[in-house]
């Protein structure tokens, strides 16, 4: 009896820099292990595939209670008090620290990860409801996005897959 192809599907609903990487890292690892990968971008997760936004994703410290500056290269184990995140410039500072840390670790940018995944056979789709809601078109998305599909289409094409919502 033939072994069935393993499948994993990610639903990316957030466009923050720190929310983009989990699906990309896990998806890349899955592709490397011969697992079929599908990614469905919905709501603000479409920033990851939007040509105008993909290179400008940010990591806002407001509401990110787990953000620790030592993870970003600042010495000591210091969490950012939530009220400081509201100060002007905190989002660009946090974003720059994370981008610098990722670059030093040799981690591809979000755009590079998406290009690598498309080249390796990942199936990437934009959510039709979100596309309509935000007034976008297929031309607004990076190369590698196969199509704009409904949630029902996504469910049909990922039958039997492990589904991870991010």
N, C-alpha and C. Protein backbone atom coordinates (compact mmCIF):
# COMPACT_ATOMS: atom_id res chain seq x y z
N UNK A 1 0.84 -1.17 0.00
CA UNK A 1 0.00 0.00 0.00
C UNK A 1 0.89 1.24 0.00
N UNK A 2 0.59 2.19 -0.86
CA UNK A 2 1.40 3.41 -0.98
C UNK A 2 1.16 4.32 0.21
N UNK A 3 2.25 4.93 0.66
CA UNK A 3 2.15 5.88 1.77
C UNK A 3 1.57 7.19 1.27
N UNK A 4 0.60 7.74 2.01
CA UNK A 4 -0.04 9.00 1.62
C UNK A 4 0.90 10.17 1.88
N UNK A 5 0.90 11.14 0.97
CA UNK A 5 1.71 12.35 1.09
C UNK A 5 1.29 13.14 2.33
N UNK A 6 2.26 13.48 3.17
CA UNK A 6 1.97 14.34 4.33
C UNK A 6 1.70 15.76 3.84
N UNK A 7 0.74 16.43 4.50
CA UNK A 7 0.36 17.79 4.11
C UNK A 7 0.22 18.66 5.35
N UNK A 8 0.65 19.90 5.21
CA UNK A 8 0.46 20.88 6.27
C UNK A 8 -0.01 22.17 5.64
N UNK A 9 -0.90 22.86 6.33
CA UNK A 9 -1.44 24.12 5.83
C UNK A 9 -1.38 25.16 6.94
N UNK A 10 -0.94 26.34 6.57
CA UNK A 10 -0.86 27.45 7.52
C UNK A 10 -1.87 28.51 7.11
N UNK A 11 -2.56 29.06 8.10
CA UNK A 11 -3.43 30.20 7.89
C UNK A 11 -2.74 31.38 8.55
N UNK A 12 -2.29 32.33 7.74
CA UNK A 12 -1.58 33.51 8.25
C UNK A 12 -2.55 34.68 8.30
N UNK A 13 -2.87 35.11 9.52
CA UNK A 13 -3.87 36.16 9.69
C UNK A 13 -3.30 37.47 10.22
N UNK A 14 -2.00 37.49 10.50
CA UNK A 14 -1.39 38.68 11.06
C UNK A 14 -0.19 39.10 10.23
N UNK A 15 -0.03 40.41 10.06
CA UNK A 15 1.05 40.93 9.22
C UNK A 15 2.20 41.52 9.99
N UNK A 16 2.25 41.29 11.30
CA UNK A 16 3.40 41.78 12.08
C UNK A 16 4.62 40.93 11.76
N UNK A 17 5.78 41.54 11.84
CA UNK A 17 7.03 40.85 11.52
C UNK A 17 7.20 39.59 12.36
N UNK A 18 6.90 39.67 13.65
CA UNK A 18 7.07 38.51 14.52
C UNK A 18 6.02 37.43 14.27
N UNK A 19 4.94 37.77 13.59
CA UNK A 19 3.92 36.77 13.27
C UNK A 19 4.13 36.19 11.87
N UNK A 20 4.98 36.80 11.08
CA UNK A 20 5.25 36.29 9.74
C UNK A 20 6.20 35.09 9.79
N UNK A 21 7.20 35.17 10.64
CA UNK A 21 8.24 34.14 10.62
C UNK A 21 7.80 32.73 11.05
N UNK A 22 6.90 32.55 12.00
CA UNK A 22 6.56 31.16 12.38
C UNK A 22 6.11 30.30 11.21
N UNK A 23 5.20 30.79 10.38
CA UNK A 23 4.74 29.98 9.24
C UNK A 23 5.85 29.77 8.22
N UNK A 24 6.69 30.78 8.04
CA UNK A 24 7.76 30.67 7.05
C UNK A 24 8.82 29.66 7.49
N UNK A 25 9.22 29.73 8.75
CA UNK A 25 10.23 28.80 9.26
C UNK A 25 9.69 27.36 9.25
N UNK A 26 8.46 27.20 9.76
CA UNK A 26 7.88 25.86 9.80
C UNK A 26 7.57 25.34 8.39
N UNK A 27 7.09 26.22 7.53
CA UNK A 27 6.81 25.81 6.15
C UNK A 27 8.06 25.38 5.41
N UNK A 28 9.14 26.14 5.61
CA UNK A 28 10.41 25.80 4.97
C UNK A 28 10.93 24.46 5.47
N UNK A 29 10.82 24.24 6.78
CA UNK A 29 11.25 22.96 7.36
C UNK A 29 10.40 21.81 6.80
N UNK A 30 9.10 22.05 6.67
CA UNK A 30 8.21 21.01 6.13
C UNK A 30 8.58 20.68 4.69
N UNK A 31 8.82 21.71 3.88
CA UNK A 31 9.23 21.47 2.49
C UNK A 31 10.51 20.65 2.44
N UNK A 32 11.44 20.97 3.32
CA UNK A 32 12.70 20.23 3.37
C UNK A 32 12.52 18.78 3.75
N UNK A 33 11.42 18.47 4.42
CA UNK A 33 11.12 17.09 4.81
C UNK A 33 10.14 16.42 3.86
N UNK A 34 9.93 17.05 2.70
CA UNK A 34 9.08 16.44 1.69
C UNK A 34 7.59 16.54 1.96
N UNK A 35 7.21 17.46 2.83
CA UNK A 35 5.80 17.63 3.18
C UNK A 35 5.19 18.70 2.27
N UNK A 36 4.00 18.42 1.77
CA UNK A 36 3.27 19.37 0.94
C UNK A 36 2.84 20.56 1.80
N UNK A 37 3.14 21.79 1.37
CA UNK A 37 2.86 22.99 2.16
C UNK A 37 1.90 23.91 1.40
N UNK A 38 0.85 24.33 2.09
CA UNK A 38 -0.09 25.32 1.58
C UNK A 38 -0.20 26.43 2.61
N UNK A 39 -0.17 27.68 2.13
CA UNK A 39 -0.33 28.83 3.03
C UNK A 39 -1.47 29.69 2.51
N UNK A 40 -2.38 30.01 3.42
CA UNK A 40 -3.56 30.84 3.13
C UNK A 40 -3.39 32.14 3.89
N UNK A 41 -3.29 33.25 3.17
CA UNK A 41 -3.09 34.56 3.77
C UNK A 41 -4.43 35.27 3.85
N UNK A 42 -4.81 35.68 5.05
CA UNK A 42 -6.10 36.32 5.24
C UNK A 42 -5.95 37.55 6.14
N UNK A 43 -6.88 38.45 6.06
CA UNK A 43 -6.88 39.70 6.80
C UNK A 43 -5.50 40.35 6.74
N UNK A 44 -4.92 40.74 7.87
CA UNK A 44 -3.64 41.47 7.83
C UNK A 44 -2.47 40.56 7.50
N UNK A 45 -2.67 39.27 7.48
CA UNK A 45 -1.64 38.34 7.02
C UNK A 45 -1.30 38.56 5.56
N UNK A 46 -2.21 39.20 4.83
CA UNK A 46 -1.94 39.49 3.42
C UNK A 46 -0.84 40.54 3.25
N UNK A 47 -0.50 41.26 4.32
CA UNK A 47 0.64 42.18 4.24
C UNK A 47 1.91 41.42 3.86
N UNK A 48 1.98 40.15 4.26
CA UNK A 48 3.16 39.34 3.96
C UNK A 48 3.35 39.12 2.46
N UNK A 49 2.27 39.14 1.71
CA UNK A 49 2.36 38.87 0.27
C UNK A 49 2.06 40.10 -0.58
N UNK A 50 1.72 41.20 0.06
CA UNK A 50 1.40 42.44 -0.65
C UNK A 50 2.71 43.11 -1.07
N UNK A 51 2.89 43.33 -2.37
CA UNK A 51 4.12 43.94 -2.89
C UNK A 51 4.48 45.23 -2.17
N UNK A 52 3.47 46.02 -1.82
CA UNK A 52 3.71 47.32 -1.19
C UNK A 52 4.05 47.20 0.30
N UNK A 53 3.76 46.06 0.92
CA UNK A 53 3.94 45.92 2.38
C UNK A 53 5.02 44.92 2.79
N UNK A 54 5.31 43.92 1.97
CA UNK A 54 6.15 42.80 2.38
C UNK A 54 7.51 43.24 2.94
N UNK A 55 8.08 44.29 2.43
CA UNK A 55 9.39 44.74 2.90
C UNK A 55 9.30 45.77 4.02
N UNK A 56 8.08 46.01 4.51
CA UNK A 56 7.88 47.03 5.53
C UNK A 56 7.10 46.51 6.73
N UNK A 57 7.16 45.21 6.99
CA UNK A 57 6.47 44.65 8.14
C UNK A 57 7.14 45.14 9.41
N UNK A 58 6.36 45.35 10.45
CA UNK A 58 6.88 45.91 11.70
C UNK A 58 6.57 44.98 12.86
N UNK A 59 7.20 45.27 13.99
CA UNK A 59 6.93 44.54 15.23
C UNK A 59 6.55 45.56 16.30
N UNK A 60 5.26 45.82 16.45
CA UNK A 60 4.84 46.82 17.44
C UNK A 60 4.92 46.25 18.86
N UNK A 61 5.58 46.98 19.77
CA UNK A 61 5.70 46.48 21.14
C UNK A 61 4.41 46.60 21.95
N UNK A 62 3.48 47.46 21.55
CA UNK A 62 2.22 47.61 22.27
C UNK A 62 1.42 46.32 22.15
N UNK A 63 1.00 45.79 23.26
CA UNK A 63 0.21 44.56 23.26
C UNK A 63 1.05 43.31 23.11
N UNK A 64 2.35 43.44 23.04
CA UNK A 64 3.25 42.30 22.91
C UNK A 64 3.97 42.11 24.25
N UNK A 65 3.22 41.61 25.23
CA UNK A 65 3.72 41.50 26.60
C UNK A 65 4.92 40.58 26.73
N UNK A 66 5.12 39.70 25.78
CA UNK A 66 6.25 38.77 25.85
C UNK A 66 7.53 39.33 25.26
N UNK A 67 7.48 40.52 24.69
CA UNK A 67 8.67 41.08 24.05
C UNK A 67 9.74 41.38 25.09
N UNK A 68 10.88 40.75 24.92
CA UNK A 68 12.03 40.96 25.80
C UNK A 68 13.15 41.55 24.98
N UNK A 69 13.69 42.66 25.43
CA UNK A 69 14.71 43.36 24.67
C UNK A 69 16.00 42.54 24.52
N UNK A 70 16.29 41.65 25.50
CA UNK A 70 17.51 40.86 25.35
C UNK A 70 17.43 39.94 24.13
N UNK A 71 16.24 39.56 23.76
CA UNK A 71 16.07 38.73 22.56
C UNK A 71 16.41 39.53 21.31
N UNK A 72 16.36 40.84 21.41
CA UNK A 72 16.65 41.71 20.29
C UNK A 72 18.09 42.22 20.32
N UNK A 73 18.88 41.75 21.27
CA UNK A 73 20.28 42.14 21.32
C UNK A 73 20.61 43.18 22.38
N UNK A 74 19.61 43.64 23.14
CA UNK A 74 19.87 44.58 24.22
C UNK A 74 20.22 43.76 25.46
N UNK A 75 21.36 44.05 26.10
CA UNK A 75 21.79 43.23 27.25
C UNK A 75 20.76 43.21 28.38
N UNK A 76 20.77 42.10 29.13
CA UNK A 76 19.88 41.94 30.27
C UNK A 76 18.55 41.35 29.85
N UNK A 77 17.82 40.88 30.85
CA UNK A 77 16.51 40.27 30.57
C UNK A 77 15.45 41.30 30.93
N UNK A 78 15.21 42.19 29.98
CA UNK A 78 14.31 43.32 30.23
C UNK A 78 13.10 43.23 29.31
N UNK A 79 11.94 43.19 29.91
CA UNK A 79 10.72 43.27 29.13
C UNK A 79 10.39 44.73 28.92
N UNK A 80 9.70 45.04 27.85
CA UNK A 80 9.31 46.42 27.60
C UNK A 80 8.00 46.67 28.33
N UNK A 81 8.00 47.61 29.30
CA UNK A 81 6.72 47.95 29.92
C UNK A 81 5.75 48.42 28.85
N UNK A 82 4.53 47.97 28.93
CA UNK A 82 3.55 48.24 27.88
C UNK A 82 3.36 49.72 27.59
N UNK A 83 3.42 50.57 28.61
CA UNK A 83 3.19 51.99 28.36
C UNK A 83 4.30 52.60 27.50
N UNK A 84 5.53 52.03 27.54
CA UNK A 84 6.61 52.56 26.71
C UNK A 84 6.39 52.28 25.23
N UNK A 85 5.68 51.21 24.93
CA UNK A 85 5.42 50.87 23.54
C UNK A 85 4.61 51.91 22.80
N UNK A 86 3.89 52.73 23.55
CA UNK A 86 3.06 53.77 22.93
C UNK A 86 3.86 55.01 22.57
N UNK A 87 5.07 55.12 23.07
CA UNK A 87 5.88 56.30 22.77
C UNK A 87 6.28 56.32 21.30
N UNK A 88 6.30 57.51 20.71
CA UNK A 88 6.71 57.62 19.30
C UNK A 88 8.09 57.00 19.07
N UNK A 89 8.20 56.26 18.00
CA UNK A 89 9.49 55.66 17.64
C UNK A 89 9.74 54.27 18.17
N UNK A 90 8.91 53.77 19.08
CA UNK A 90 9.16 52.44 19.66
C UNK A 90 8.97 51.32 18.63
N UNK A 91 7.97 51.45 17.76
CA UNK A 91 7.78 50.41 16.75
C UNK A 91 8.95 50.36 15.78
N UNK A 92 9.42 51.51 15.25
CA UNK A 92 10.59 51.44 14.37
C UNK A 92 11.84 50.91 15.08
N UNK A 93 12.01 51.25 16.35
CA UNK A 93 13.18 50.75 17.10
C UNK A 93 13.09 49.24 17.25
N UNK A 94 11.94 48.74 17.69
CA UNK A 94 11.77 47.29 17.86
C UNK A 94 11.93 46.57 16.53
N UNK A 95 11.39 47.14 15.46
CA UNK A 95 11.49 46.54 14.13
C UNK A 95 12.94 46.48 13.68
N UNK A 96 13.66 47.58 13.85
CA UNK A 96 15.07 47.62 13.45
C UNK A 96 15.89 46.61 14.24
N UNK A 97 15.63 46.51 15.55
CA UNK A 97 16.36 45.54 16.38
C UNK A 97 16.10 44.11 15.91
N UNK A 98 14.85 43.79 15.61
CA UNK A 98 14.54 42.43 15.15
C UNK A 98 15.15 42.16 13.79
N UNK A 99 15.03 43.10 12.86
CA UNK A 99 15.61 42.89 11.53
C UNK A 99 17.12 42.71 11.62
N UNK A 100 17.78 43.50 12.47
CA UNK A 100 19.22 43.39 12.64
C UNK A 100 19.60 42.03 13.23
N UNK A 101 18.85 41.59 14.23
CA UNK A 101 19.11 40.29 14.85
C UNK A 101 18.94 39.16 13.84
N UNK A 102 17.88 39.22 13.05
CA UNK A 102 17.63 38.17 12.05
C UNK A 102 18.74 38.17 10.99
N UNK A 103 19.16 39.35 10.58
CA UNK A 103 20.22 39.45 9.57
C UNK A 103 21.52 38.85 10.10
N UNK A 104 21.86 39.15 11.36
CA UNK A 104 23.08 38.60 11.97
C UNK A 104 23.02 37.08 12.08
N UNK A 105 21.82 36.54 12.24
CA UNK A 105 21.65 35.09 12.33
C UNK A 105 21.57 34.43 10.95
N UNK A 106 21.56 35.25 9.90
CA UNK A 106 21.49 34.70 8.55
C UNK A 106 20.09 34.26 8.14
N UNK A 107 19.08 34.78 8.82
CA UNK A 107 17.70 34.42 8.51
C UNK A 107 17.24 35.23 7.29
N UNK A 108 16.66 34.58 6.31
CA UNK A 108 16.17 35.32 5.14
C UNK A 108 15.09 36.33 5.53
N UNK A 109 14.94 37.37 4.74
CA UNK A 109 13.85 38.31 4.94
C UNK A 109 12.54 37.60 4.60
N UNK A 110 11.43 38.23 4.96
CA UNK A 110 10.13 37.64 4.64
C UNK A 110 10.00 37.45 3.13
N UNK A 111 10.37 38.46 2.35
CA UNK A 111 10.30 38.34 0.89
C UNK A 111 11.16 37.17 0.40
N UNK A 112 12.39 37.06 0.91
CA UNK A 112 13.28 35.97 0.48
C UNK A 112 12.70 34.61 0.84
N UNK A 113 12.16 34.49 2.05
CA UNK A 113 11.54 33.22 2.47
C UNK A 113 10.40 32.85 1.52
N UNK A 114 9.55 33.82 1.22
CA UNK A 114 8.42 33.54 0.33
C UNK A 114 8.88 33.12 -1.06
N UNK A 115 9.92 33.76 -1.58
CA UNK A 115 10.48 33.38 -2.89
C UNK A 115 11.05 31.97 -2.83
N UNK A 116 11.79 31.66 -1.77
CA UNK A 116 12.37 30.32 -1.62
C UNK A 116 11.26 29.27 -1.54
N UNK A 117 10.22 29.58 -0.78
CA UNK A 117 9.13 28.62 -0.63
C UNK A 117 8.37 28.41 -1.93
N UNK A 118 8.12 29.48 -2.65
CA UNK A 118 7.44 29.34 -3.95
C UNK A 118 8.29 28.49 -4.89
N UNK A 119 9.59 28.76 -4.92
CA UNK A 119 10.50 27.99 -5.79
C UNK A 119 10.55 26.52 -5.39
N UNK A 120 10.35 26.24 -4.10
CA UNK A 120 10.42 24.86 -3.61
C UNK A 120 9.07 24.14 -3.70
N UNK A 121 8.03 24.85 -4.19
CA UNK A 121 6.75 24.18 -4.43
C UNK A 121 5.65 24.46 -3.43
N UNK A 122 5.84 25.41 -2.52
CA UNK A 122 4.75 25.75 -1.60
C UNK A 122 3.59 26.35 -2.37
N UNK A 123 2.40 26.07 -1.93
CA UNK A 123 1.18 26.61 -2.54
C UNK A 123 0.72 27.78 -1.69
N UNK A 124 0.70 28.97 -2.26
CA UNK A 124 0.34 30.16 -1.51
C UNK A 124 -0.88 30.82 -2.14
N UNK A 125 -1.86 31.14 -1.28
CA UNK A 125 -3.12 31.70 -1.74
C UNK A 125 -3.55 32.89 -0.88
N UNK A 126 -4.22 33.85 -1.50
CA UNK A 126 -4.82 34.97 -0.80
C UNK A 126 -6.30 34.69 -0.59
N UNK A 127 -6.82 35.15 0.52
CA UNK A 127 -8.23 34.96 0.88
C UNK A 127 -9.12 35.92 0.09
N UNK A 128 -10.10 35.39 -0.61
CA UNK A 128 -10.98 36.22 -1.44
C UNK A 128 -11.74 37.25 -0.62
N UNK A 129 -12.28 36.88 0.52
CA UNK A 129 -13.02 37.83 1.34
C UNK A 129 -12.14 39.01 1.73
N UNK A 130 -10.92 38.71 2.18
CA UNK A 130 -10.00 39.77 2.59
C UNK A 130 -9.56 40.62 1.40
N UNK A 131 -9.31 39.99 0.28
CA UNK A 131 -8.94 40.72 -0.95
C UNK A 131 -10.05 41.70 -1.32
N UNK A 132 -11.29 41.21 -1.30
CA UNK A 132 -12.43 42.08 -1.63
C UNK A 132 -12.58 43.19 -0.59
N UNK A 133 -12.43 42.84 0.68
CA UNK A 133 -12.60 43.81 1.75
C UNK A 133 -11.58 44.94 1.66
N UNK A 134 -10.34 44.61 1.30
CA UNK A 134 -9.27 45.61 1.23
C UNK A 134 -9.11 46.21 -0.17
N UNK A 135 -9.94 45.78 -1.12
CA UNK A 135 -9.88 46.34 -2.47
C UNK A 135 -8.60 46.00 -3.21
N UNK A 136 -8.09 44.79 -3.01
CA UNK A 136 -6.85 44.37 -3.65
C UNK A 136 -7.14 43.54 -4.90
N UNK A 137 -6.08 43.30 -5.70
CA UNK A 137 -6.16 42.46 -6.90
C UNK A 137 -4.95 41.53 -6.90
N UNK A 138 -5.00 40.51 -7.72
CA UNK A 138 -3.89 39.56 -7.79
C UNK A 138 -2.57 40.25 -8.12
N UNK A 139 -2.63 41.32 -8.92
CA UNK A 139 -1.43 42.07 -9.30
C UNK A 139 -0.76 42.74 -8.10
N UNK A 140 -1.49 42.89 -6.99
CA UNK A 140 -0.94 43.52 -5.79
C UNK A 140 -0.03 42.57 -5.01
N UNK A 141 -0.06 41.29 -5.37
CA UNK A 141 0.68 40.29 -4.61
C UNK A 141 2.00 39.91 -5.28
N UNK A 142 2.93 39.47 -4.46
CA UNK A 142 4.23 39.05 -4.96
C UNK A 142 4.07 37.82 -5.85
N UNK A 143 5.07 37.60 -6.69
CA UNK A 143 5.09 36.38 -7.50
C UNK A 143 5.13 35.19 -6.55
N UNK A 144 4.50 34.13 -6.93
CA UNK A 144 4.46 32.94 -6.08
C UNK A 144 3.09 32.71 -5.48
N UNK A 145 2.28 33.78 -5.39
CA UNK A 145 0.90 33.61 -4.92
C UNK A 145 0.13 33.04 -6.10
N UNK A 146 -0.37 31.83 -5.93
CA UNK A 146 -0.99 31.12 -7.05
C UNK A 146 -2.35 31.69 -7.45
N UNK A 147 -3.13 32.09 -6.44
CA UNK A 147 -4.49 32.52 -6.78
C UNK A 147 -5.13 33.17 -5.57
N UNK A 148 -6.32 33.69 -5.80
CA UNK A 148 -7.18 34.21 -4.75
C UNK A 148 -8.31 33.19 -4.61
N UNK A 149 -8.49 32.65 -3.41
CA UNK A 149 -9.47 31.58 -3.22
C UNK A 149 -10.35 31.87 -2.00
N UNK A 150 -11.50 31.23 -1.98
CA UNK A 150 -12.40 31.37 -0.84
C UNK A 150 -11.94 30.46 0.29
N UNK A 151 -12.47 30.69 1.47
CA UNK A 151 -12.17 29.82 2.61
C UNK A 151 -12.62 28.39 2.31
N UNK A 152 -13.73 28.25 1.63
CA UNK A 152 -14.24 26.93 1.26
C UNK A 152 -13.27 26.22 0.31
N UNK A 153 -12.75 26.98 -0.68
CA UNK A 153 -11.75 26.41 -1.59
C UNK A 153 -10.53 25.92 -0.81
N UNK A 154 -10.08 26.74 0.13
CA UNK A 154 -8.91 26.39 0.94
C UNK A 154 -9.18 25.09 1.70
N UNK A 155 -10.36 24.96 2.27
CA UNK A 155 -10.69 23.74 3.01
C UNK A 155 -10.68 22.52 2.10
N UNK A 156 -11.20 22.68 0.90
CA UNK A 156 -11.22 21.56 -0.05
C UNK A 156 -9.79 21.17 -0.45
N UNK A 157 -8.96 22.16 -0.73
CA UNK A 157 -7.61 21.84 -1.22
C UNK A 157 -6.66 21.36 -0.13
N UNK A 158 -7.05 21.51 1.13
CA UNK A 158 -6.17 21.06 2.22
C UNK A 158 -6.77 19.90 3.01
N UNK A 159 -7.71 19.21 2.40
CA UNK A 159 -8.32 18.06 3.07
C UNK A 159 -7.23 17.07 3.49
N UNK A 160 -7.29 16.67 4.74
CA UNK A 160 -6.32 15.71 5.27
C UNK A 160 -5.03 16.35 5.78
N UNK A 161 -4.88 17.66 5.63
CA UNK A 161 -3.67 18.34 6.08
C UNK A 161 -3.78 18.73 7.56
N UNK A 162 -2.63 18.83 8.19
CA UNK A 162 -2.60 19.47 9.50
C UNK A 162 -2.77 20.96 9.23
N UNK A 163 -3.64 21.64 9.96
CA UNK A 163 -3.87 23.06 9.74
C UNK A 163 -3.41 23.82 10.98
N UNK A 164 -2.56 24.81 10.75
CA UNK A 164 -2.02 25.63 11.83
C UNK A 164 -2.45 27.07 11.59
N UNK A 165 -3.10 27.66 12.58
CA UNK A 165 -3.58 29.04 12.47
C UNK A 165 -2.61 29.96 13.20
N UNK A 166 -2.10 30.95 12.47
CA UNK A 166 -1.15 31.89 13.07
C UNK A 166 -1.71 33.29 12.96
